[in-house]
Amino acid sequence: MLPTLERRSTIRLFEELRGRGYDGAPDSVHRYVKSWRAARGPGSGAGVCAAAV
């Protein structure tokens, strides 16, 4: 499970995506964000924005 701060930010991202018509599950967004952050590497300061998804 992601740390609380990251869960909150992915929940906000999910809500933003849902408002734009996304009909997937919140867990799908969590998994995508986790893999996206891992691919960016540690210490990259990688934030997540709706444009990245």
C-alpha atoms as a PDB file:
ATOM      1  CA  MET A   1       0.000   0.000   0.000  1.00  0.00           C
ATOM      2  CA  LEU A   2       1.205   3.501  -0.799  1.00  0.00           C
ATOM      3  CA  PRO A   3       2.023   5.953   1.997  1.00  0.00           C
ATOM      4  CA  THR A   4      -0.920   8.122   3.066  1.00  0.00           C
ATOM      5  CA  LEU A   5       0.280  11.275   1.284  1.00  0.00           C
ATOM      6  CA  GLU A   6       0.706   9.413  -2.004  1.00  0.00           C
ATOM      7  CA  ARG A   7      -2.664   7.691  -1.645  1.00  0.00           C
ATOM      8  CA  ARG A   8      -4.319  11.045  -1.194  1.00  0.00           C
ATOM      9  CA  SER A   9      -2.682  12.474  -4.276  1.00  0.00           C
ATOM     10  CA  THR A  10      -3.625   9.465  -6.399  1.00  0.00           C
ATOM     11  CA  ILE A  11      -7.180   9.706  -5.084  1.00  0.00           C
ATOM     12  CA  ARG A  12      -7.272  13.333  -6.194  1.00  0.00           C
ATOM     13  CA  LEU A  13      -5.883  12.292  -9.562  1.00  0.00           C
ATOM     14  CA  PHE A  14      -8.553   9.584  -9.848  1.00  0.00           C
ATOM     15  CA  GLU A  15     -11.272  12.113  -9.044  1.00  0.00           C
ATOM     16  CA  GLU A  16      -9.885  14.480 -11.699  1.00  0.00           C
ATOM     17  CA  LEU A  17      -9.811  11.671 -14.262  1.00  0.00           C
ATOM     18  CA  ARG A  18     -13.323  10.571 -13.336  1.00  0.00           C
ATOM     19  CA  GLY A  19     -14.510  14.128 -13.912  1.00  0.00           C
ATOM     20  CA  ARG A  20     -13.002  13.899 -17.397  1.00  0.00           C
ATOM     21  CA  GLY A  21     -14.861  10.696 -18.217  1.00  0.00           C
ATOM     22  CA  TYR A  22     -12.515   7.974 -16.939  1.00  0.00           C
ATOM     23  CA  ASP A  23     -14.560   4.913 -15.974  1.00  0.00           C
ATOM     24  CA  GLY A  24     -11.775   2.706 -14.612  1.00  0.00           C
ATOM     25  CA  ALA A  25     -11.164   1.677 -11.025  1.00  0.00           C
ATOM     26  CA  PRO A  26      -9.214   3.723  -8.464  1.00  0.00           C
ATOM     27  CA  ASP A  27      -6.865   0.773  -7.996  1.00  0.00           C
ATOM     28  CA  SER A  28      -5.892   0.963 -11.669  1.00  0.00           C
ATOM     29  CA  VAL A  29      -4.823   4.577 -11.176  1.00  0.00           C
ATOM     30  CA  HIS A  30      -2.833   3.629  -8.046  1.00  0.00           C
ATOM     31  CA  ARG A  31      -0.990   0.861  -9.889  1.00  0.00           C
ATOM     32  CA  TYR A  32      -0.254   3.092 -12.872  1.00  0.00           C
ATOM     33  CA  VAL A  33       1.093   5.901 -10.680  1.00  0.00           C
ATOM     34  CA  LYS A  34       3.256   3.465  -8.727  1.00  0.00           C
ATOM     35  CA  SER A  35       4.814   2.034 -11.895  1.00  0.00           C
ATOM     36  CA  TRP A  36       5.174   5.494 -13.438  1.00  0.00           C
ATOM     37  CA  ARG A  37       7.022   6.795 -10.383  1.00  0.00           C
ATOM     38  CA  ALA A  38       9.261   3.715 -10.295  1.00  0.00           C
ATOM     39  CA  ALA A  39      10.160   4.221 -13.963  1.00  0.00           C
ATOM     40  CA  ARG A  40      11.108   7.860 -13.293  1.00  0.00           C
ATOM     41  CA  GLY A  41      13.582   6.744 -10.649  1.00  0.00           C
ATOM     42  CA  PRO A  42      14.145   7.803  -7.054  1.00  0.00           C
ATOM     43  CA  GLY A  43      14.845  11.428  -6.278  1.00  0.00           C
ATOM     44  CA  SER A  44      13.518  12.688  -9.589  1.00  0.00           C
ATOM     45  CA  GLY A  45      10.899  14.786  -7.812  1.00  0.00           C
ATOM     46  CA  ALA A  46       8.357  13.211 -10.098  1.00  0.00           C
ATOM     47  CA  GLY A  47       4.913  14.560  -9.439  1.00  0.00           C
ATOM     48  CA  VAL A  48       1.846  13.242 -11.143  1.00  0.00           C
ATOM     49  CA  CYS A  49      -0.395  15.419 -13.211  1.00  0.00           C
ATOM     50  CA  ALA A  50      -3.536  14.567 -15.120  1.00  0.00           C
ATOM     51  CA  ALA A  51      -1.722  15.214 -18.408  1.00  0.00           C
ATOM     52  CA  ALA A  52       0.674  12.352 -17.656  1.00  0.00           C
ATOM     53  CA  VAL A  53      -2.099   9.783 -17.533  1.00  0.00           C
END
